[in-house]
Amino acid sequence: MEIQIEKNVPVPQRSKMPKYPLESMEVGDSFLSGVDSDDRGRVQTLRTSICRQQRKLDGRRFSVVKDAKLNEMRVFRVY
């Protein structure tokens, strides 16, 4: 098999998760993330993003769960 070099193929843009408003949330608050609960890759990316952001928020904790009615992921502040 011979590998061919291709020219002028654009590099695809990487999607980036938005920064969520975790700083302004109080215990019991939640929001829909816009991530489809069936998309395993984006769900994992969302969970990782929330985990990284909460490390900076001195003791605040968040939970990412499926909203059964809307088939989207919802983020709750739990502590």
PDB file of N, CA and C in Angstrom:
ATOM      1  N   MET A   1       0.842  -1.180   0.000  1.00  0.00           N
ATOM      2  CA  MET A   1       0.000   0.000   0.000  1.00  0.00           C
ATOM      3  C   MET A   1       0.881   1.235   0.000  1.00  0.00           C
ATOM      4  N   GLU A   2       0.603   2.107  -0.885  1.00  0.00           N
ATOM      5  CA  GLU A   2       1.363   3.352  -0.992  1.00  0.00           C
ATOM      6  C   GLU A   2       0.528   4.491  -0.412  1.00  0.00           C
ATOM      7  N   ILE A   3       1.133   5.288   0.444  1.00  0.00           N
ATOM      8  CA  ILE A   3       0.449   6.425   1.058  1.00  0.00           C
ATOM      9  C   ILE A   3       0.654   7.640   0.178  1.00  0.00           C
ATOM     10  N   GLN A   4      -0.457   8.304  -0.130  1.00  0.00           N
ATOM     11  CA  GLN A   4      -0.381   9.499  -0.975  1.00  0.00           C
ATOM     12  C   GLN A   4      -0.473  10.747  -0.114  1.00  0.00           C
ATOM     13  N   ILE A   5       0.324  11.727  -0.465  1.00  0.00           N
ATOM     14  CA  ILE A   5       0.307  13.017   0.221  1.00  0.00           C
ATOM     15  C   ILE A   5      -0.726  13.896  -0.470  1.00  0.00           C
ATOM     16  N   GLU A   6      -1.595  14.519   0.326  1.00  0.00           N
ATOM     17  CA  GLU A   6      -2.614  15.405  -0.225  1.00  0.00           C
ATOM     18  C   GLU A   6      -2.290  16.837   0.151  1.00  0.00           C
ATOM     19  N   LYS A   7      -2.562  17.759  -0.730  1.00  0.00           N
ATOM     20  CA  LYS A   7      -2.283  19.169  -0.491  1.00  0.00           C
ATOM     21  C   LYS A   7      -3.591  19.939  -0.373  1.00  0.00           C
ATOM     22  N   ASN A   8      -3.532  21.046   0.349  1.00  0.00           N
ATOM     23  CA  ASN A   8      -4.650  21.986   0.488  1.00  0.00           C
ATOM     24  C   ASN A   8      -5.893  21.374   1.125  1.00  0.00           C
ATOM     25  N   VAL A   9      -5.711  20.466   2.061  1.00  0.00           N
ATOM     26  CA  VAL A   9      -6.827  19.926   2.833  1.00  0.00           C
ATOM     27  C   VAL A   9      -6.897  20.745   4.124  1.00  0.00           C
ATOM     28  N   PRO A  10      -8.021  21.440   4.379  1.00  0.00           N
ATOM     29  CA  PRO A  10      -8.091  22.289   5.573  1.00  0.00           C
ATOM     30  C   PRO A  10      -8.122  21.463   6.856  1.00  0.00           C
ATOM     31  N   VAL A  11      -7.502  21.993   7.895  1.00  0.00           N
ATOM     32  CA  VAL A  11      -7.495  21.342   9.204  1.00  0.00           C
ATOM     33  C   VAL A  11      -8.849  21.618   9.857  1.00  0.00           C
ATOM     34  N   PRO A  12      -9.555  20.588  10.305  1.00  0.00           N
ATOM     35  CA  PRO A  12     -10.870  20.821  10.927  1.00  0.00           C
ATOM     36  C   PRO A  12     -10.741  21.557  12.255  1.00  0.00           C
ATOM     37  N   GLN A  13     -11.735  22.380  12.564  1.00  0.00           N
ATOM     38  CA  GLN A  13     -11.759  23.112  13.826  1.00  0.00           C
ATOM     39  C   GLN A  13     -12.140  22.150  14.948  1.00  0.00           C
ATOM     40  N   ARG A  14     -11.472  22.254  16.070  1.00  0.00           N
ATOM     41  CA  ARG A  14     -11.825  21.449  17.242  1.00  0.00           C
ATOM     42  C   ARG A  14     -12.938  22.170  17.984  1.00  0.00           C
ATOM     43  N   SER A  15     -13.912  21.408  18.422  1.00  0.00           N
ATOM     44  CA  SER A  15     -14.972  22.025  19.204  1.00  0.00           C
ATOM     45  C   SER A  15     -14.493  22.183  20.641  1.00  0.00           C
ATOM     46  N   LYS A  16     -14.882  23.266  21.258  1.00  0.00           N
ATOM     47  CA  LYS A  16     -14.459  23.553  22.615  1.00  0.00           C
ATOM     48  C   LYS A  16     -15.706  23.725  23.470  1.00  0.00           C
ATOM     49  N   MET A  17     -15.690  23.109  24.641  1.00  0.00           N
ATOM     50  CA  MET A  17     -16.820  23.241  25.550  1.00  0.00           C
ATOM     51  C   MET A  17     -16.814  24.667  26.114  1.00  0.00           C
ATOM     52  N   PRO A  18     -17.987  25.268  26.236  1.00  0.00           N
ATOM     53  CA  PRO A  18     -18.028  26.627  26.791  1.00  0.00           C
ATOM     54  C   PRO A  18     -17.706  26.614  28.279  1.00  0.00           C
ATOM     55  N   LYS A  19     -17.319  27.753  28.784  1.00  0.00           N
ATOM     56  CA  LYS A  19     -17.110  27.870  30.229  1.00  0.00           C
ATOM     57  C   LYS A  19     -18.486  28.077  30.857  1.00  0.00           C
ATOM     58  N   TYR A  20     -18.847  27.181  31.728  1.00  0.00           N
ATOM     59  CA  TYR A  20     -20.173  27.225  32.333  1.00  0.00           C
ATOM     60  C   TYR A  20     -20.183  28.148  33.544  1.00  0.00           C
ATOM     61  N   PRO A  21     -21.371  28.692  33.917  1.00  0.00           N
ATOM     62  CA  PRO A  21     -21.471  29.687  35.005  1.00  0.00           C
ATOM     63  C   PRO A  21     -21.447  29.066  36.401  1.00  0.00           C
ATOM     64  N   LEU A  22     -20.463  28.233  36.676  1.00  0.00           N
ATOM     65  CA  LEU A  22     -20.416  27.532  37.954  1.00  0.00           C
ATOM     66  C   LEU A  22     -20.192  28.488  39.126  1.00  0.00           C
ATOM     67  N   GLU A  23     -19.456  29.563  38.905  1.00  0.00           N
ATOM     68  CA  GLU A  23     -19.123  30.494  39.986  1.00  0.00           C
ATOM     69  C   GLU A  23     -20.361  31.143  40.585  1.00  0.00           C
ATOM     70  N   SER A  24     -21.375  31.389  39.768  1.00  0.00           N
ATOM     71  CA  SER A  24     -22.557  32.110  40.234  1.00  0.00           C
ATOM     72  C   SER A  24     -23.686  31.194  40.706  1.00  0.00           C
ATOM     73  N   MET A  25     -23.455  29.896  40.714  1.00  0.00           N
ATOM     74  CA  MET A  25     -24.504  28.960  41.127  1.00  0.00           C
ATOM     75  C   MET A  25     -24.512  28.768  42.634  1.00  0.00           C
ATOM     76  N   GLU A  26     -25.718  28.604  43.187  1.00  0.00           N
ATOM     77  CA  GLU A  26     -25.891  28.283  44.596  1.00  0.00           C
ATOM     78  C   GLU A  26     -26.308  26.825  44.710  1.00  0.00           C
ATOM     79  N   VAL A  27     -26.186  26.247  45.899  1.00  0.00           N
ATOM     80  CA  VAL A  27     -26.579  24.857  46.119  1.00  0.00           C
ATOM     81  C   VAL A  27     -28.043  24.696  45.722  1.00  0.00           C
ATOM     82  N   GLY A  28     -28.315  23.678  44.905  1.00  0.00           N
ATOM     83  CA  GLY A  28     -29.667  23.416  44.418  1.00  0.00           C
ATOM     84  C   GLY A  28     -29.935  23.967  43.027  1.00  0.00           C
ATOM     85  N   ASP A  29     -29.088  24.883  42.543  1.00  0.00           N
ATOM     86  CA  ASP A  29     -29.242  25.424  41.186  1.00  0.00           C
ATOM     87  C   ASP A  29     -28.805  24.389  40.164  1.00  0.00           C
ATOM     88  N   SER A  30     -29.367  24.489  38.951  1.00  0.00           N
ATOM     89  CA  SER A  30     -28.956  23.597  37.867  1.00  0.00           C
ATOM     90  C   SER A  30     -29.148  24.306  36.533  1.00  0.00           C
ATOM     91  N   PHE A  31     -28.551  23.737  35.492  1.00  0.00           N
ATOM     92  CA  PHE A  31     -28.759  24.231  34.136  1.00  0.00           C
ATOM     93  C   PHE A  31     -28.618  23.091  33.150  1.00  0.00           C
ATOM     94  N   LEU A  32     -29.289  23.228  32.006  1.00  0.00           N
ATOM     95  CA  LEU A  32     -29.145  22.272  30.918  1.00  0.00           C
ATOM     96  C   LEU A  32     -27.870  22.615  30.165  1.00  0.00           C
ATOM     97  N   SER A  33     -27.085  21.627  29.865  1.00  0.00           N
ATOM     98  CA  SER A  33     -25.789  21.861  29.234  1.00  0.00           C
ATOM     99  C   SER A  33     -25.863  21.956  27.715  1.00  0.00           C
ATOM    100  N   GLY A  34     -26.937  21.437  27.120  1.00  0.00           N
ATOM    101  CA  GLY A  34     -27.028  21.409  25.667  1.00  0.00           C
ATOM    102  C   GLY A  34     -26.349  20.193  25.062  1.00  0.00           C
ATOM    103  N   VAL A  35     -25.868  19.276  25.912  1.00  0.00           N
ATOM    104  CA  VAL A  35     -25.192  18.073  25.448  1.00  0.00           C
ATOM    105  C   VAL A  35     -26.197  16.927  25.426  1.00  0.00           C
ATOM    106  N   ASP A  36     -26.346  16.289  24.275  1.00  0.00           N
ATOM    107  CA  ASP A  36     -27.245  15.152  24.107  1.00  0.00           C
ATOM    108  C   ASP A  36     -26.733  13.985  24.951  1.00  0.00           C
ATOM    109  N   SER A  37     -27.605  13.409  25.764  1.00  0.00           N
ATOM    110  CA  SER A  37     -27.170  12.342  26.672  1.00  0.00           C
ATOM    111  C   SER A  37     -26.770  11.061  25.948  1.00  0.00           C
ATOM    112  N   ASP A  38     -27.123  10.922  24.669  1.00  0.00           N
ATOM    113  CA  ASP A  38     -26.739   9.738  23.901  1.00  0.00           C
ATOM    114  C   ASP A  38     -25.351   9.850  23.286  1.00  0.00           C
ATOM    115  N   ASP A  39     -24.786  11.051  23.286  1.00  0.00           N
ATOM    116  CA  ASP A  39     -23.463  11.288  22.690  1.00  0.00           C
ATOM    117  C   ASP A  39     -22.394  11.067  23.769  1.00  0.00           C
ATOM    118  N   ARG A  40     -21.920   9.835  23.875  1.00  0.00           N
ATOM    119  CA  ARG A  40     -20.994   9.474  24.955  1.00  0.00           C
ATOM    120  C   ARG A  40     -19.732  10.322  24.989  1.00  0.00           C
ATOM    121  N   GLY A  41     -19.202  10.647  23.830  1.00  0.00           N
ATOM    122  CA  GLY A  41     -17.982  11.442  23.776  1.00  0.00           C
ATOM    123  C   GLY A  41     -18.176  12.832  24.342  1.00  0.00           C
ATOM    124  N   ARG A  42     -19.268  13.485  23.958  1.00  0.00           N
ATOM    125  CA  ARG A  42     -19.527  14.841  24.465  1.00  0.00           C
ATOM    126  C   ARG A  42     -19.919  14.815  25.945  1.00  0.00           C
ATOM    127  N   VAL A  43     -20.602  13.759  26.378  1.00  0.00           N
ATOM    128  CA  VAL A  43     -20.935  13.646  27.804  1.00  0.00           C
ATOM    129  C   VAL A  43     -19.655  13.549  28.619  1.00  0.00           C
ATOM    130  N   GLN A  44     -18.705  12.742  28.170  1.00  0.00           N
ATOM    131  CA  GLN A  44     -17.437  12.609  28.893  1.00  0.00           C
ATOM    132  C   GLN A  44     -16.668  13.932  28.883  1.00  0.00           C
ATOM    133  N   THR A  45     -16.699  14.631  27.749  1.00  0.00           N
ATOM    134  CA  THR A  45     -16.042  15.936  27.665  1.00  0.00           C
ATOM    135  C   THR A  45     -16.680  16.921  28.635  1.00  0.00           C
ATOM    136  N   LEU A  46     -18.016  16.901  28.734  1.00  0.00           N
ATOM    137  CA  LEU A  46     -18.727  17.764  29.676  1.00  0.00           C
ATOM    138  C   LEU A  46     -18.314  17.447  31.106  1.00  0.00           C
ATOM    139  N   ARG A  47     -18.309  16.166  31.464  1.00  0.00           N
ATOM    140  CA  ARG A  47     -17.943  15.770  32.827  1.00  0.00           C
ATOM    141  C   ARG A  47     -16.515  16.210  33.166  1.00  0.00           C
ATOM    142  N   THR A  48     -15.615  16.046  32.218  1.00  0.00           N
ATOM    143  CA  THR A  48     -14.224  16.455  32.433  1.00  0.00           C
ATOM    144  C   THR A  48     -14.124  17.966  32.603  1.00  0.00           C
ATOM    145  N   SER A  49     -14.861  18.704  31.785  1.00  0.00           N
ATOM    146  CA  SER A  49     -14.849  20.162  31.858  1.00  0.00           C
ATOM    147  C   SER A  49     -15.366  20.649  33.212  1.00  0.00           C
ATOM    148  N   ILE A  50     -16.463  20.079  33.676  1.00  0.00           N
ATOM    149  CA  ILE A  50     -17.023  20.467  34.975  1.00  0.00           C
ATOM    150  C   ILE A  50     -16.043  20.112  36.091  1.00  0.00           C
ATOM    151  N   CYS A  51     -15.437  18.948  36.011  1.00  0.00           N
ATOM    152  CA  CYS A  51     -14.469  18.517  37.026  1.00  0.00           C
ATOM    153  C   CYS A  51     -13.291  19.484  37.096  1.00  0.00           C
ATOM    154  N   ARG A  52     -12.775  19.887  35.971  1.00  0.00           N
ATOM    155  CA  ARG A  52     -11.637  20.820  35.947  1.00  0.00           C
ATOM    156  C   ARG A  52     -12.022  22.186  36.508  1.00  0.00           C
ATOM    157  N   GLN A  53     -13.219  22.664  36.130  1.00  0.00           N
ATOM    158  CA  GLN A  53     -13.650  23.974  36.613  1.00  0.00           C
ATOM    159  C   GLN A  53     -13.910  23.965  38.119  1.00  0.00           C
ATOM    160  N   GLN A  54     -14.464  22.871  38.650  1.00  0.00           N
ATOM    161  CA  GLN A  54     -14.795  22.848  40.077  1.00  0.00           C
ATOM    162  C   GLN A  54     -13.558  22.802  40.955  1.00  0.00           C
ATOM    163  N   ARG A  55     -12.435  22.346  40.435  1.00  0.00           N
ATOM    164  CA  ARG A  55     -11.190  22.336  41.220  1.00  0.00           C
ATOM    165  C   ARG A  55     -10.780  23.748  41.631  1.00  0.00           C
ATOM    166  N   LYS A  56     -11.158  24.721  40.825  1.00  0.00           N
ATOM    167  CA  LYS A  56     -10.790  26.112  41.090  1.00  0.00           C
ATOM    168  C   LYS A  56     -11.773  26.798  42.037  1.00  0.00           C
ATOM    169  N   LEU A  57     -12.849  26.103  42.421  1.00  0.00           N
ATOM    170  CA  LEU A  57     -13.930  26.739  43.165  1.00  0.00           C
ATOM    171  C   LEU A  57     -14.006  26.275  44.616  1.00  0.00           C
ATOM    172  N   ASP A  58     -12.900  26.301  45.308  1.00  0.00           N
ATOM    173  CA  ASP A  58     -12.770  26.029  46.740  1.00  0.00           C
ATOM    174  C   ASP A  58     -13.952  25.311  47.416  1.00  0.00           C
ATOM    175  N   GLY A  59     -14.040  24.017  47.191  1.00  0.00           N
ATOM    176  CA  GLY A  59     -14.995  23.198  47.912  1.00  0.00           C
ATOM    177  C   GLY A  59     -16.366  23.039  47.290  1.00  0.00           C
ATOM    178  N   ARG A  60     -16.682  23.795  46.272  1.00  0.00           N
ATOM    179  CA  ARG A  60     -17.984  23.633  45.620  1.00  0.00           C
ATOM    180  C   ARG A  60     -17.965  22.364  44.783  1.00  0.00           C
ATOM    181  N   ARG A  61     -19.080  21.641  44.774  1.00  0.00           N
ATOM    182  CA  ARG A  61     -19.164  20.389  44.027  1.00  0.00           C
ATOM    183  C   ARG A  61     -20.386  20.387  43.126  1.00  0.00           C
ATOM    184  N   PHE A  62     -20.237  19.712  41.997  1.00  0.00           N
ATOM    185  CA  PHE A  62     -21.276  19.669  40.979  1.00  0.00           C
ATOM    186  C   PHE A  62     -21.522  18.234  40.540  1.00  0.00           C
ATOM    187  N   SER A  63     -22.730  17.990  40.065  1.00  0.00           N
ATOM    188  CA  SER A  63     -23.102  16.669  39.587  1.00  0.00           C
ATOM    189  C   SER A  63     -23.673  16.812  38.178  1.00  0.00           C
ATOM    190  N   VAL A  64     -23.261  15.930  37.285  1.00  0.00           N
ATOM    191  CA  VAL A  64     -23.745  15.940  35.897  1.00  0.00           C
ATOM    192  C   VAL A  64     -24.615  14.707  35.717  1.00  0.00           C
ATOM    193  N   VAL A  65     -25.906  14.922  35.431  1.00  0.00           N
ATOM    194  CA  VAL A  65     -26.850  13.814  35.296  1.00  0.00           C
ATOM    195  C   VAL A  65     -27.729  14.008  34.062  1.00  0.00           C
ATOM    196  N   LYS A  66     -28.311  12.909  33.622  1.00  0.00           N
ATOM    197  CA  LYS A  66     -29.203  12.935  32.462  1.00  0.00           C
ATOM    198  C   LYS A  66     -30.562  13.476  32.880  1.00  0.00           C
ATOM    199  N   ASP A  67     -31.072  14.454  32.140  1.00  0.00           N
ATOM    200  CA  ASP A  67     -32.435  14.941  32.326  1.00  0.00           C
ATOM    201  C   ASP A  67     -33.326  14.062  31.464  1.00  0.00           C
ATOM    202  N   ALA A  68     -34.080  13.170  32.090  1.00  0.00           N
ATOM    203  CA  ALA A  68     -34.844  12.142  31.369  1.00  0.00           C
ATOM    204  C   ALA A  68     -35.890  12.729  30.428  1.00  0.00           C
ATOM    205  N   LYS A  69     -36.487  13.839  30.783  1.00  0.00           N
ATOM    206  CA  LYS A  69     -37.537  14.434  29.953  1.00  0.00           C
ATOM    207  C   LYS A  69     -36.979  15.004  28.649  1.00  0.00           C
ATOM    208  N   LEU A  70     -35.810  15.605  28.720  1.00  0.00           N
ATOM    209  CA  LEU A  70     -35.267  16.330  27.570  1.00  0.00           C
ATOM    210  C   LEU A  70     -34.140  15.602  26.859  1.00  0.00           C
ATOM    211  N   ASN A  71     -33.679  14.481  27.403  1.00  0.00           N
ATOM    212  CA  ASN A  71     -32.585  13.716  26.813  1.00  0.00           C
ATOM    213  C   ASN A  71     -31.307  14.549  26.675  1.00  0.00           C
ATOM    214  N   GLU A  72     -31.102  15.442  27.635  1.00  0.00           N
ATOM    215  CA  GLU A  72     -29.897  16.264  27.691  1.00  0.00           C
ATOM    216  C   GLU A  72     -29.255  16.080  29.058  1.00  0.00           C
ATOM    217  N   MET A  73     -28.019  16.501  29.168  1.00  0.00           N
ATOM    218  CA  MET A  73     -27.317  16.432  30.436  1.00  0.00           C
ATOM    219  C   MET A  73     -27.581  17.726  31.217  1.00  0.00           C
ATOM    220  N   ARG A  74     -27.800  17.570  32.512  1.00  0.00           N
ATOM    221  CA  ARG A  74     -28.058  18.698  33.395  1.00  0.00           C
ATOM    222  C   ARG A  74     -26.957  18.744  34.453  1.00  0.00           C
ATOM    223  N   VAL A  75     -26.513  19.945  34.810  1.00  0.00           N
ATOM    224  CA  VAL A  75     -25.464  20.136  35.801  1.00  0.00           C
ATOM    225  C   VAL A  75     -26.089  20.750  37.045  1.00  0.00           C
ATOM    226  N   PHE A  76     -25.912  20.101  38.196  1.00  0.00           N
ATOM    227  CA  PHE A  76     -26.422  20.575  39.482  1.00  0.00           C
ATOM    228  C   PHE A  76     -25.273  20.979  40.383  1.00  0.00           C
ATOM    229  N   ARG A  77     -25.478  22.029  41.181  1.00  0.00           N
ATOM    230  CA  ARG A  77     -24.538  22.305  42.254  1.00  0.00           C
ATOM    231  C   ARG A  77     -25.053  21.580  43.472  1.00  0.00           C
ATOM    232  N   VAL A  78     -24.236  20.693  44.048  1.00  0.00           N
ATOM    233  CA  VAL A  78     -24.678  19.879  45.179  1.00  0.00           C
ATOM    234  C   VAL A  78     -24.056  20.295  46.508  1.00  0.00           C
ATOM    235  N   TYR A  79     -22.909  20.960  46.516  1.00  0.00           N
ATOM    236  CA  TYR A  79     -22.276  21.474  47.743  1.00  0.00           C
ATOM    237  C   TYR A  79     -21.740  22.842  47.496  1.00  0.00           C
TER     238      TYR A  79
END
